C-alpha atoms as a PDB file:
ATOM      1  CA  MET A   1     -57.004  93.764  16.870  1.00  0.00           C
ATOM      2  CA  MET A   2     -55.214  90.775  18.361  1.00  0.00           C
ATOM      3  CA  LYS A   3     -54.769  89.213  14.880  1.00  0.00           C
ATOM      4  CA  LYS A   4     -53.169  92.394  13.530  1.00  0.00           C
ATOM      5  CA  GLN A   5     -50.783  92.539  16.480  1.00  0.00           C
ATOM      6  CA  ASN A   6     -49.784  88.898  15.881  1.00  0.00           C
ATOM      7  CA  GLU A   7     -49.265  89.495  12.108  1.00  0.00           C
ATOM      8  CA  LYS A   8     -46.760  92.318  12.671  1.00  0.00           C
ATOM      9  CA  PRO A   9     -44.205  90.248  14.608  1.00  0.00           C
ATOM     10  CA  ALA A  10     -44.507  87.495  11.968  1.00  0.00           C
ATOM     11  CA  GLN A  11     -43.683  89.938   9.171  1.00  0.00           C
ATOM     12  CA  GLU A  12     -40.805  91.366  11.185  1.00  0.00           C
ATOM     13  CA  LYS A  13     -39.422  87.852  11.689  1.00  0.00           C
ATOM     14  CA  LYS A  14     -39.565  87.183   7.941  1.00  0.00           C
ATOM     15  CA  GLN A  15     -37.729  90.414   7.231  1.00  0.00           C
ATOM     16  CA  GLU A  16     -35.100  89.567   9.833  1.00  0.00           C
ATOM     17  CA  LYS A  17     -34.604  86.109   8.273  1.00  0.00           C
ATOM     18  CA  GLN A  18     -34.212  87.641   4.808  1.00  0.00           C
ATOM     19  CA  GLN A  19     -31.735  90.191   6.113  1.00  0.00           C
ATOM     20  CA  ALA A  20     -29.790  87.426   7.857  1.00  0.00           C
ATOM     21  CA  LYS A  21     -29.639  85.402   4.626  1.00  0.00           C
ATOM     22  CA  GLN A  22     -28.463  88.407   2.615  1.00  0.00           C
ATOM     23  CA  SER A  23     -25.787  89.258   5.144  1.00  0.00           C
ATOM     24  CA  LYS A  24     -24.642  85.628   5.135  1.00  0.00           C
ATOM     25  CA  LYS A  25     -24.391  85.632   1.334  1.00  0.00           C
ATOM     26  CA  ALA A  26     -22.467  88.901   1.477  1.00  0.00           C
ATOM     27  CA  ARG A  27     -20.049  87.437   4.006  1.00  0.00           C
ATOM     28  CA  GLU A  28     -19.580  84.350   1.828  1.00  0.00           C
ATOM     29  CA  ALA A  29     -19.024  86.458  -1.286  1.00  0.00           C
ATOM     30  CA  GLU A  30     -16.439  88.779   0.217  1.00  0.00           C
ATOM     31  CA  PRO A  31     -13.742  86.109   0.739  1.00  0.00           C
ATOM     32  CA  GLY A  32     -14.346  84.949  -2.839  1.00  0.00           C
ATOM     33  CA  LYS A  33     -13.713  88.438  -4.135  1.00  0.00           C
ATOM     34  CA  ILE A  34     -10.571  88.684  -2.041  1.00  0.00           C
ATOM     35  CA  ASN A  35      -9.379  85.290  -3.318  1.00  0.00           C
ATOM     36  CA  LYS A  36     -10.096  86.311  -6.919  1.00  0.00           C
ATOM     37  CA  LYS A  37      -8.072  89.467  -6.498  1.00  0.00           C
ATOM     38  CA  LYS A  38      -5.208  87.482  -5.003  1.00  0.00           C
ATOM     39  CA  VAL A  39      -5.334  84.944  -7.830  1.00  0.00           C
ATOM     40  CA  ASN A  40      -5.409  87.661 -10.498  1.00  0.00           C
ATOM     41  CA  ALA A  41      -2.507  89.497  -8.864  1.00  0.00           C
ATOM     42  CA  TYR A  42      -0.548  86.237  -8.650  1.00  0.00           C
ATOM     43  CA  GLN A  43      -1.241  85.456 -12.316  1.00  0.00           C
ATOM     44  CA  ARG A  44      -0.124  88.936 -13.376  1.00  0.00           C
ATOM     45  CA  ARG A  45       3.042  88.550 -11.340  1.00  0.00           C
ATOM     46  CA  GLN A  46       3.723  85.148 -12.892  1.00  0.00           C
ATOM     47  CA  ASN A  47       3.106  86.544 -16.384  1.00  0.00           C
ATOM     48  CA  ARG A  48       5.586  89.345 -15.753  1.00  0.00           C
ATOM     49  CA  LEU A  49       8.166  86.826 -14.569  1.00  0.00           C
ATOM     50  CA  GLY A  50       7.509  84.672 -17.632  1.00  0.00           C
ATOM     51  CA  TYR A  51       7.995  87.592 -20.009  1.00  0.00           C
ATOM     52  CA  LEU A  52      11.108  88.563 -18.069  1.00  0.00           C
ATOM     53  CA  PHE A  53      12.605  85.103 -18.608  1.00  0.00           C
ATOM     54  CA  MET A  54      11.577  85.221 -22.281  1.00  0.00           C
ATOM     55  CA  LEU A  55      13.041  88.696 -22.783  1.00  0.00           C
ATOM     56  CA  PRO A  56      16.512  87.482 -23.963  1.00  0.00           C
ATOM     57  CA  TRP A  57      14.847  85.194 -26.520  1.00  0.00           C
ATOM     58  CA  ILE A  58      12.463  87.962 -27.662  1.00  0.00           C
ATOM     59  CA  ILE A  59      15.378  90.372 -28.135  1.00  0.00           C
ATOM     60  CA  GLY A  60      17.376  87.727 -30.014  1.00  0.00           C
ATOM     61  CA  PHE A  61      14.359  86.865 -32.200  1.00  0.00           C
ATOM     62  CA  ALA A  62      13.750  90.524 -33.045  1.00  0.00           C
ATOM     63  CA  ILE A  63      17.407  91.181 -33.920  1.00  0.00           C
ATOM     64  CA  PHE A  64      18.465  87.931 -35.614  1.00  0.00           C
ATOM     65  CA  THR A  65      15.178  86.697 -37.144  1.00  0.00           C
ATOM     66  CA  LEU A  66      12.499  89.359 -37.486  1.00  0.00           C
ATOM     67  CA  PHE A  67      14.779  92.169 -38.710  1.00  0.00           C
ATOM     68  CA  PRO A  68      16.590  89.970 -41.313  1.00  0.00           C
ATOM     69  CA  PHE A  69      13.203  88.652 -42.470  1.00  0.00           C
ATOM     70  CA  VAL A  70      11.846  92.153 -43.087  1.00  0.00           C
ATOM     71  CA  ALA A  71      15.174  93.246 -44.599  1.00  0.00           C
ATOM     72  CA  THR A  72      15.080  90.276 -46.994  1.00  0.00           C
ATOM     73  CA  ILE A  73      11.651  91.335 -48.237  1.00  0.00           C
ATOM     74  CA  TYR A  74      12.971  94.850 -48.869  1.00  0.00           C
ATOM     75  CA  LEU A  75      16.165  93.631 -50.552  1.00  0.00           C
ATOM     76  CA  SER A  76      14.144  91.445 -52.941  1.00  0.00           C
ATOM     77  CA  PHE A  77      12.906  94.675 -54.591  1.00  0.00           C
ATOM     78  CA  THR A  78      16.388  96.217 -54.856  1.00  0.00           C
ATOM     79  CA  ASP A  79      19.664  95.838 -56.692  1.00  0.00           C
ATOM     80  CA  VAL A  80      22.495  95.521 -54.169  1.00  0.00           C
ATOM     81  CA  ARG A  81      26.123  96.017 -55.226  1.00  0.00           C
ATOM     82  CA  SER A  82      29.377  96.199 -53.318  1.00  0.00           C
ATOM     83  CA  SER A  83      31.617  99.043 -54.460  1.00  0.00           C
ATOM     84  CA  ILE A  84      34.524 101.103 -53.182  1.00  0.00           C
ATOM     85  CA  ARG A  85      32.069 103.501 -51.521  1.00  0.00           C
ATOM     86  CA  GLY A  86      30.301 100.620 -49.753  1.00  0.00           C
ATOM     87  CA  TRP A  87      26.963  98.985 -50.442  1.00  0.00           C
ATOM     88  CA  GLU A  88      24.865 100.604 -53.163  1.00  0.00           C
ATOM     89  CA  ILE A  89      21.143  99.815 -52.977  1.00  0.00           C
ATOM     90  CA  ASP A  90      18.863 100.801 -55.882  1.00  0.00           C
ATOM     91  CA  PHE A  91      15.127 100.132 -55.889  1.00  0.00           C
ATOM     92  CA  VAL A  92      14.172  98.085 -59.001  1.00  0.00           C
ATOM     93  CA  GLY A  93      10.605  97.009 -58.154  1.00  0.00           C
ATOM     94  CA  MET A  94       9.531  93.600 -59.499  1.00  0.00           C
ATOM     95  CA  ALA A  95      12.552  93.246 -61.817  1.00  0.00           C
ATOM     96  CA  ASN A  96      14.196  90.579 -59.633  1.00  0.00           C
ATOM     97  CA  TYR A  97      11.017  88.468 -59.603  1.00  0.00           C
ATOM     98  CA  VAL A  98      10.668  88.765 -63.396  1.00  0.00           C
ATOM     99  CA  THR A  99      14.291  87.675 -63.776  1.00  0.00           C
ATOM    100  CA  ALA A 100      13.822  84.751 -61.387  1.00  0.00           C
ATOM    101  CA  PHE A 101      10.785  83.323 -63.170  1.00  0.00           C
ATOM    102  CA  PHE A 102      11.326  84.272 -66.825  1.00  0.00           C
ATOM    103  CA  ARG A 103      15.019  85.064 -67.448  1.00  0.00           C
ATOM    104  CA  ASN A 104      16.942  82.802 -65.097  1.00  0.00           C
ATOM    105  CA  THR A 105      17.120  79.310 -66.572  1.00  0.00           C
ATOM    106  CA  GLU A 106      18.099  77.680 -63.269  1.00  0.00           C
ATOM    107  CA  PHE A 107      15.633  78.918 -60.654  1.00  0.00           C
ATOM    108  CA  VAL A 108      12.320  77.445 -61.892  1.00  0.00           C
ATOM    109  CA  PRO A 109      13.820  73.975 -62.629  1.00  0.00           C
ATOM    110  CA  ALA A 110      15.475  74.052 -59.193  1.00  0.00           C
ATOM    111  CA  LEU A 111      12.133  74.971 -57.621  1.00  0.00           C
ATOM    112  CA  LEU A 112      10.368  72.101 -59.406  1.00  0.00           C
ATOM    113  CA  GLU A 113      13.159  69.739 -58.396  1.00  0.00           C
ATOM    114  CA  PHE A 114      12.749  70.879 -54.800  1.00  0.00           C
ATOM    115  CA  LEU A 115       8.999  70.162 -54.911  1.00  0.00           C
ATOM    116  CA  ALA A 116       9.665  66.744 -56.435  1.00  0.00           C
ATOM    117  CA  MET A 117      12.120  66.049 -53.594  1.00  0.00           C
ATOM    118  CA  ILE A 118      10.337  67.508 -50.552  1.00  0.00           C
ATOM    119  CA  ILE A 119       6.975  65.752 -50.984  1.00  0.00           C
ATOM    120  CA  PRO A 120       8.136  62.097 -51.220  1.00  0.00           C
ATOM    121  CA  TYR A 121      11.010  62.624 -48.766  1.00  0.00           C
ATOM    122  CA  THR A 122       8.691  64.123 -46.127  1.00  0.00           C
ATOM    123  CA  PHE A 123       6.144  61.339 -46.662  1.00  0.00           C
ATOM    124  CA  VAL A 124       8.793  58.636 -46.237  1.00  0.00           C
ATOM    125  CA  VAL A 125      10.333  60.302 -43.153  1.00  0.00           C
ATOM    126  CA  ILE A 126       6.954  60.656 -41.380  1.00  0.00           C
ATOM    127  CA  ILE A 127       5.755  57.127 -42.207  1.00  0.00           C
ATOM    128  CA  VAL A 128       9.049  55.448 -41.285  1.00  0.00           C
ATOM    129  CA  SER A 129       9.353  57.519 -38.097  1.00  0.00           C
ATOM    130  CA  PHE A 130       5.836  56.583 -36.984  1.00  0.00           C
ATOM    131  CA  ILE A 131       6.365  52.876 -37.706  1.00  0.00           C
ATOM    132  CA  ILE A 132       9.653  52.786 -35.787  1.00  0.00           C
ATOM    133  CA  ALA A 133       8.175  54.780 -32.887  1.00  0.00           C
ATOM    134  CA  TYR A 134       5.116  52.503 -32.764  1.00  0.00           C
ATOM    135  CA  LEU A 135       7.303  49.392 -32.652  1.00  0.00           C
ATOM    136  CA  MET A 136       9.611  50.917 -30.035  1.00  0.00           C
ATOM    137  CA  SER A 137       6.645  51.882 -27.849  1.00  0.00           C
ATOM    138  CA  LYS A 138       5.803  48.171 -27.610  1.00  0.00           C
ATOM    139  CA  LEU A 139       9.229  47.369 -26.170  1.00  0.00           C
ATOM    140  CA  THR A 140       9.556  46.760 -22.460  1.00  0.00           C
ATOM    141  CA  LYS A 141      13.354  46.517 -22.321  1.00  0.00           C
ATOM    142  CA  PHE A 142      16.213  48.560 -23.814  1.00  0.00           C
ATOM    143  CA  ARG A 143      13.827  51.319 -24.937  1.00  0.00           C
ATOM    144  CA  GLY A 144      16.297  54.037 -23.925  1.00  0.00           C
ATOM    145  CA  VAL A 145      19.125  52.315 -25.815  1.00  0.00           C
ATOM    146  CA  PHE A 146      17.140  52.228 -29.052  1.00  0.00           C
ATOM    147  CA  ARG A 147      16.105  55.859 -28.616  1.00  0.00           C
ATOM    148  CA  THR A 148      19.751  56.820 -28.316  1.00  0.00           C
ATOM    149  CA  ILE A 149      20.691  54.785 -31.411  1.00  0.00           C
ATOM    150  CA  TYR A 150      18.028  56.444 -33.558  1.00  0.00           C
ATOM    151  CA  PHE A 151      18.821  59.914 -32.205  1.00  0.00           C
ATOM    152  CA  LEU A 152      22.585  59.672 -32.869  1.00  0.00           C
ATOM    153  CA  PRO A 153      22.264  60.666 -36.568  1.00  0.00           C
ATOM    154  CA  VAL A 154      20.755  63.996 -35.464  1.00  0.00           C
ATOM    155  CA  ILE A 155      23.920  64.776 -33.500  1.00  0.00           C
ATOM    156  CA  ILE A 156      26.196  63.613 -36.328  1.00  0.00           C
ATOM    157  CA  MET A 157      24.289  65.601 -38.977  1.00  0.00           C
ATOM    158  CA  SER A 158      24.750  68.818 -37.032  1.00  0.00           C
ATOM    159  CA  GLY A 159      28.522  68.521 -37.285  1.00  0.00           C
ATOM    160  CA  PRO A 160      31.106  68.237 -40.060  1.00  0.00           C
ATOM    161  CA  VAL A 161      30.715  64.440 -40.350  1.00  0.00           C
ATOM    162  CA  MET A 162      27.679  64.698 -42.628  1.00  0.00           C
ATOM    163  CA  SER A 163      29.499  67.134 -44.908  1.00  0.00           C
ATOM    164  CA  GLN A 164      32.372  64.680 -45.222  1.00  0.00           C
ATOM    165  CA  ILE A 165      29.924  61.901 -46.110  1.00  0.00           C
ATOM    166  CA  LEU A 166      28.302  64.034 -48.798  1.00  0.00           C
ATOM    167  CA  ASP A 167      31.664  65.163 -50.173  1.00  0.00           C
ATOM    168  CA  ALA A 168      32.761  61.532 -50.450  1.00  0.00           C
ATOM    169  CA  ASN A 169      30.213  61.009 -53.251  1.00  0.00           C
ATOM    170  CA  VAL A 170      28.448  58.219 -51.412  1.00  0.00           C
ATOM    171  CA  SER A 171      25.459  58.552 -53.705  1.00  0.00           C
ATOM    172  CA  GLU A 172      27.567  57.487 -56.713  1.00  0.00           C
ATOM    173  CA  HIS A 173      28.479  54.230 -54.966  1.00  0.00           C
ATOM    174  CA  MET A 174      24.857  53.723 -53.969  1.00  0.00           C
ATOM    175  CA  GLU A 175      23.747  54.029 -57.588  1.00  0.00           C
ATOM    176  CA  GLU A 176      26.119  51.214 -58.542  1.00  0.00           C
ATOM    177  CA  VAL A 177      24.762  48.941 -55.811  1.00  0.00           C
ATOM    178  CA  SER A 178      21.047  49.801 -56.019  1.00  0.00           C
ATOM    179  CA  ARG A 179      19.870  49.152 -59.552  1.00  0.00           C
ATOM    180  CA  TYR A 180      16.127  48.728 -59.935  1.00  0.00           C
ATOM    181  CA  ASP A 181      15.829  48.340 -63.700  1.00  0.00           C
ATOM    182  CA  GLY A 182      15.601  44.555 -63.577  1.00  0.00           C
ATOM    183  CA  LEU A 183      13.057  44.333 -60.744  1.00  0.00           C
ATOM    184  CA  PHE A 184       9.620  43.140 -61.780  1.00  0.00           C
ATOM    185  CA  ILE A 185       7.788  45.493 -59.410  1.00  0.00           C
ATOM    186  CA  MET A 186       9.709  48.523 -60.711  1.00  0.00           C
ATOM    187  CA  ASN A 187       9.026  47.542 -64.332  1.00  0.00           C
ATOM    188  CA  MET A 188       5.330  47.205 -63.515  1.00  0.00           C
ATOM    189  CA  ILE A 189       5.225  50.635 -61.837  1.00  0.00           C
ATOM    190  CA  GLU A 190       7.150  52.178 -64.730  1.00  0.00           C
ATOM    191  CA  SER A 191       4.649  50.791 -67.232  1.00  0.00           C
ATOM    192  CA  TYR A 192       1.857  52.714 -65.478  1.00  0.00           C
ATOM    193  CA  SER A 193       3.778  55.855 -64.479  1.00  0.00           C
ATOM    194  CA  PRO A 194       7.428  56.386 -65.469  1.00  0.00           C
ATOM    195  CA  GLN A 195       7.567  59.585 -63.396  1.00  0.00           C
ATOM    196  CA  PHE A 196       6.409  57.788 -60.239  1.00  0.00           C
ATOM    197  CA  ALA A 197       8.891  54.975 -60.858  1.00  0.00           C
ATOM    198  CA  HIS A 198      11.709  57.494 -61.247  1.00  0.00           C
ATOM    199  CA  THR A 199      10.662  59.264 -58.020  1.00  0.00           C
ATOM    200  CA  LEU A 200      10.434  55.963 -56.142  1.00  0.00           C
ATOM    201  CA  GLY A 201      13.855  54.917 -57.406  1.00  0.00           C
ATOM    202  CA  SER A 202      15.426  58.209 -56.313  1.00  0.00           C
ATOM    203  CA  VAL A 203      13.837  57.836 -52.867  1.00  0.00           C
ATOM    204  CA  LEU A 204      15.155  54.292 -52.530  1.00  0.00           C
ATOM    205  CA  ASP A 205      18.593  55.447 -53.641  1.00  0.00           C
ATOM    206  CA  GLU A 206      18.608  58.073 -50.887  1.00  0.00           C
ATOM    207  CA  LEU A 207      16.850  55.902 -48.294  1.00  0.00           C
ATOM    208  CA  SER A 208      19.900  55.590 -46.070  1.00  0.00           C
ATOM    209  CA  VAL A 209      20.256  59.386 -46.067  1.00  0.00           C
ATOM    210  CA  ILE A 210      16.509  59.904 -45.501  1.00  0.00           C
ATOM    211  CA  LEU A 211      16.643  57.656 -42.436  1.00  0.00           C
ATOM    212  CA  TRP A 212      19.052  60.173 -40.897  1.00  0.00           C
ATOM    213  CA  PHE A 213      16.159  62.636 -40.662  1.00  0.00           C
ATOM    214  CA  THR A 214      13.957  60.313 -38.590  1.00  0.00           C
ATOM    215  CA  GLY A 215      15.699  60.918 -35.225  1.00  0.00           C
ATOM    216  CA  ILE A 216      13.660  63.807 -33.808  1.00  0.00           C
ATOM    217  CA  PRO A 217      10.304  62.683 -35.346  1.00  0.00           C
ATOM    218  CA  ILE A 218      10.776  59.258 -33.725  1.00  0.00           C
ATOM    219  CA  VAL A 219      11.304  60.850 -30.297  1.00  0.00           C
ATOM    220  CA  LEU A 220       8.249  63.096 -30.786  1.00  0.00           C
ATOM    221  CA  PHE A 221       6.072  60.186 -31.894  1.00  0.00           C
ATOM    222  CA  ILE A 222       7.179  58.053 -28.919  1.00  0.00           C
ATOM    223  CA  ASN A 223       6.296  60.862 -26.499  1.00  0.00           C
ATOM    224  CA  GLY A 224       2.903  61.258 -28.173  1.00  0.00           C
ATOM    225  CA  LEU A 225       2.191  57.519 -28.028  1.00  0.00           C
ATOM    226  CA  GLN A 226       3.105  57.371 -24.352  1.00  0.00           C
ATOM    227  CA  LYS A 227       0.628  60.148 -23.515  1.00  0.00           C
ATOM    228  CA  ILE A 228      -2.366  58.228 -24.901  1.00  0.00           C
ATOM    229  CA  ASN A 229      -4.588  57.033 -22.060  1.00  0.00           C
ATOM    230  CA  PRO A 230      -4.212  53.202 -21.740  1.00  0.00           C
ATOM    231  CA  SER A 231      -7.848  52.939 -20.635  1.00  0.00           C
ATOM    232  CA  LEU A 232      -8.853  53.734 -24.239  1.00  0.00           C
ATOM    233  CA  PHE A 233      -7.063  50.583 -25.415  1.00  0.00           C
ATOM    234  CA  GLU A 234      -8.626  48.499 -22.639  1.00  0.00           C
ATOM    235  CA  ALA A 235     -12.119  49.775 -23.499  1.00  0.00           C
ATOM    236  CA  ALA A 236     -11.536  49.049 -27.192  1.00  0.00           C
ATOM    237  CA  LYS A 237     -10.376  45.491 -26.429  1.00  0.00           C
ATOM    238  CA  ILE A 238     -13.473  44.936 -24.285  1.00  0.00           C
ATOM    239  CA  ASP A 239     -15.544  45.981 -27.311  1.00  0.00           C
ATOM    240  CA  SER A 240     -13.703  43.270 -29.349  1.00  0.00           C
ATOM    241  CA  ALA A 241     -11.503  45.691 -31.325  1.00  0.00           C
ATOM    242  CA  ASN A 242      -8.345  44.183 -32.831  1.00  0.00           C
ATOM    243  CA  SER A 243      -4.911  45.839 -33.053  1.00  0.00           C
ATOM    244  CA  TRP A 244      -5.535  47.133 -36.575  1.00  0.00           C
ATOM    245  CA  GLN A 245      -8.796  48.827 -35.534  1.00  0.00           C
ATOM    246  CA  ILE A 246      -7.141  50.310 -32.434  1.00  0.00           C
ATOM    247  CA  LEU A 247      -4.369  51.709 -34.633  1.00  0.00           C
ATOM    248  CA  TRP A 248      -6.712  53.410 -37.117  1.00  0.00           C
ATOM    249  CA  LYS A 249      -9.537  54.433 -34.785  1.00  0.00           C
ATOM    250  CA  ILE A 250      -7.621  55.496 -31.661  1.00  0.00           C
ATOM    251  CA  ILE A 251      -3.875  55.913 -32.165  1.00  0.00           C
ATOM    252  CA  ILE A 252      -3.742  57.694 -35.529  1.00  0.00           C
ATOM    253  CA  PRO A 253      -6.503  60.258 -34.754  1.00  0.00           C
ATOM    254  CA  LEU A 254      -4.867  61.109 -31.397  1.00  0.00           C
ATOM    255  CA  ILE A 255      -1.348  61.280 -32.869  1.00  0.00           C
ATOM    256  CA  LYS A 256      -2.295  63.690 -35.699  1.00  0.00           C
ATOM    257  CA  PRO A 257      -1.103  66.871 -33.891  1.00  0.00           C
ATOM    258  CA  ILE A 258       2.305  65.241 -33.297  1.00  0.00           C
ATOM    259  CA  ALA A 259       2.417  64.186 -36.959  1.00  0.00           C
ATOM    260  CA  LEU A 260       1.763  67.796 -37.984  1.00  0.00           C
ATOM    261  CA  VAL A 261       4.659  69.039 -35.810  1.00  0.00           C
ATOM    262  CA  CYS A 262       6.938  66.328 -37.250  1.00  0.00           C
ATOM    263  CA  THR A 263       5.906  67.254 -40.795  1.00  0.00           C
ATOM    264  CA  ILE A 264       6.653  70.957 -40.278  1.00  0.00           C
ATOM    265  CA  PHE A 265      10.005  70.117 -38.677  1.00  0.00           C
ATOM    266  CA  THR A 266      10.931  67.715 -41.505  1.00  0.00           C
ATOM    267  CA  ILE A 267      10.028  70.254 -44.206  1.00  0.00           C
ATOM    268  CA  ALA A 268      12.146  72.910 -42.496  1.00  0.00           C
ATOM    269  CA  GLN A 269      15.043  70.477 -42.002  1.00  0.00           C
ATOM    270  CA  LEU A 270      14.995  69.226 -45.599  1.00  0.00           C
ATOM    271  CA  GLY A 271      14.693  72.826 -46.815  1.00  0.00           C
ATOM    272  CA  THR A 272      18.114  73.720 -45.384  1.00  0.00           C
ATOM    273  CA  TYR A 273      19.768  70.480 -46.477  1.00  0.00           C
ATOM    274  CA  ASP A 274      22.666  70.638 -48.932  1.00  0.00           C
ATOM    275  CA  THR A 275      20.872  68.486 -51.523  1.00  0.00           C
ATOM    276  CA  ASN A 276      18.146  71.126 -51.866  1.00  0.00           C
ATOM    277  CA  PRO A 277      18.823  72.801 -55.261  1.00  0.00           C
ATOM    278  CA  VAL A 278      17.093  76.080 -54.312  1.00  0.00           C
ATOM    279  CA  TYR A 279      19.191  76.336 -51.160  1.00  0.00           C
ATOM    280  CA  GLY A 280      22.295  75.933 -53.326  1.00  0.00           C
ATOM    281  CA  LEU A 281      21.180  78.771 -55.633  1.00  0.00           C
ATOM    282  CA  ILE A 282      20.564  81.048 -52.644  1.00  0.00           C
ATOM    283  CA  LYS A 283      24.029  80.334 -51.254  1.00  0.00           C
ATOM    284  CA  THR A 284      25.648  80.952 -54.655  1.00  0.00           C
ATOM    285  CA  ALA A 285      23.769  84.234 -55.193  1.00  0.00           C
ATOM    286  CA  THR A 286      24.624  85.404 -51.671  1.00  0.00           C
ATOM    287  CA  GLY A 287      28.330  84.974 -52.425  1.00  0.00           C
ATOM    288  CA  ASN A 288      28.031  87.159 -55.532  1.00  0.00           C
ATOM    289  CA  MET A 289      28.815  90.680 -54.284  1.00  0.00           C
ATOM    290  CA  SER A 290      28.194  92.370 -57.640  1.00  0.00           C
ATOM    291  CA  GLY A 291      24.403  92.355 -57.622  1.00  0.00           C
ATOM    292  CA  GLY A 292      23.724  88.901 -56.207  1.00  0.00           C
ATOM    293  CA  LEU A 293      22.216  89.830 -52.858  1.00  0.00           C
ATOM    294  CA  GLY A 294      19.038  91.175 -54.432  1.00  0.00           C
ATOM    295  CA  TYR A 295      18.539  87.948 -56.367  1.00  0.00           C
ATOM    296  CA  ALA A 296      19.385  85.887 -53.281  1.00  0.00           C
ATOM    297  CA  ALA A 297      16.715  87.743 -51.286  1.00  0.00           C
ATOM    298  CA  THR A 298      14.224  87.175 -54.114  1.00  0.00           C
ATOM    299  CA  TYR A 299      15.012  83.453 -54.281  1.00  0.00           C
ATOM    300  CA  ALA A 300      14.762  83.165 -50.492  1.00  0.00           C
ATOM    301  CA  TRP A 301      11.413  84.985 -50.347  1.00  0.00           C
ATOM    302  CA  ILE A 302       9.862  82.914 -53.151  1.00  0.00           C
ATOM    303  CA  TYR A 303      11.242  79.767 -51.564  1.00  0.00           C
ATOM    304  CA  SER A 304       9.803  80.782 -48.176  1.00  0.00           C
ATOM    305  CA  LEU A 305       6.361  81.307 -49.709  1.00  0.00           C
ATOM    306  CA  ILE A 306       6.518  77.853 -51.331  1.00  0.00           C
ATOM    307  CA  VAL A 307       7.512  76.259 -48.021  1.00  0.00           C
ATOM    308  CA  LEU A 308       4.695  78.086 -46.204  1.00  0.00           C
ATOM    309  CA  LEU A 309       2.280  76.853 -48.867  1.00  0.00           C
ATOM    310  CA  ILE A 310       3.438  73.258 -48.320  1.00  0.00           C
ATOM    311  CA  ILE A 311       3.037  73.689 -44.555  1.00  0.00           C
ATOM    312  CA  GLY A 312      -0.473  75.039 -45.155  1.00  0.00           C
ATOM    313  CA  ILE A 313      -1.290  71.915 -47.184  1.00  0.00           C
ATOM    314  CA  ALA A 314       0.054  69.822 -44.289  1.00  0.00           C
ATOM    315  CA  PHE A 315      -2.307  71.685 -41.943  1.00  0.00           C
ATOM    316  CA  LEU A 316      -5.232  70.789 -44.204  1.00  0.00           C
ATOM    317  CA  VAL A 317      -4.154  67.134 -44.397  1.00  0.00           C
ATOM    318  CA  PHE A 318      -3.862  66.727 -40.618  1.00  0.00           C
ATOM    319  CA  LYS A 319      -6.902  68.868 -39.810  1.00  0.00           C
ATOM    320  CA  ASP A 320      -9.625  67.128 -37.806  1.00  0.00           C
ATOM    321  CA  ARG A 321     -12.689  66.671 -39.973  1.00  0.00           C
ATOM    322  CA  LYS A 322     -15.595  66.685 -37.569  1.00  0.00           C
ATOM    323  CA  GLU A 323     -18.784  65.500 -39.137  1.00  0.00           C
ATOM    324  CA  LYS A 324     -21.678  67.877 -38.654  1.00  0.00           C
ATOM    325  CA  LYS A 325     -24.594  66.399 -36.835  1.00  0.00           C
ATOM    326  CA  ARG A 326     -27.704  66.369 -38.994  1.00  0.00           C
ATOM    327  CA  GLY A 327     -31.023  66.714 -37.383  1.00  0.00           C
ATOM    328  CA  VAL A 328     -33.325  63.768 -37.887  1.00  0.00           C
END
């Protein structure tokens, strides 16, 4: 009887301890729930403020970008004419696309010329921009001065100065100065691939103009290089890695996302440049009020698809290829 009486208080003590632990956990959990609610409410409030600040941009994007984009797709299937009664829009289906590819003798050659221009020009702009940014990142003095010098062409190109330079027929004078027919290296390249030699010569002829497009990519590359953790370089040097190995194994893999952004920006910038033959056709067709707007919309839509395809290829080129681990 005495043992049973002693066992009961022991069991009651265990139950009391368990209840005390549970109540303690409940008390500890309640502030966490309150904090979570406060954090969620704060995040929702911040999101609403963010959308409120973005609202002018969203409205402007919907009115000046999204609506014209959808309207361009619709106009590419129509015949648009300006008459005394106003704009007359007739649905013609795929007739504009058939005309663009099979009846118009200018559009397809202009599209091929654009592809022959955009690929080497983008490659040269990205490579030159990265080299200049890499060299400038090594500078300890006058870094801001050199950034300003390389960014000045961006400001000049956005104004009427660049148009005056292009109207002055600078390229004709450049062709007289830069002749590559007598160079041994150009003759050797031409013997293997005349098309590649012609492309290389045209790029070299326009090199001074191409360098004007390196301003923003240089700034982006410099910012990307500065964000790389210096401890990675120190660890690589401790492991006896030289500068060339650091460049290919550390810098280039980490700078790939910046290179992708620079590539997309360069493609878009070159696409609206005056030397782009497709852009010239779109401008000419837009000025034709007697049925030209439908063709202009068709040219613009086909051109946009080609540009998106090139950007997609750029995504594949700069995509990280992670090797799958194979089980041993």
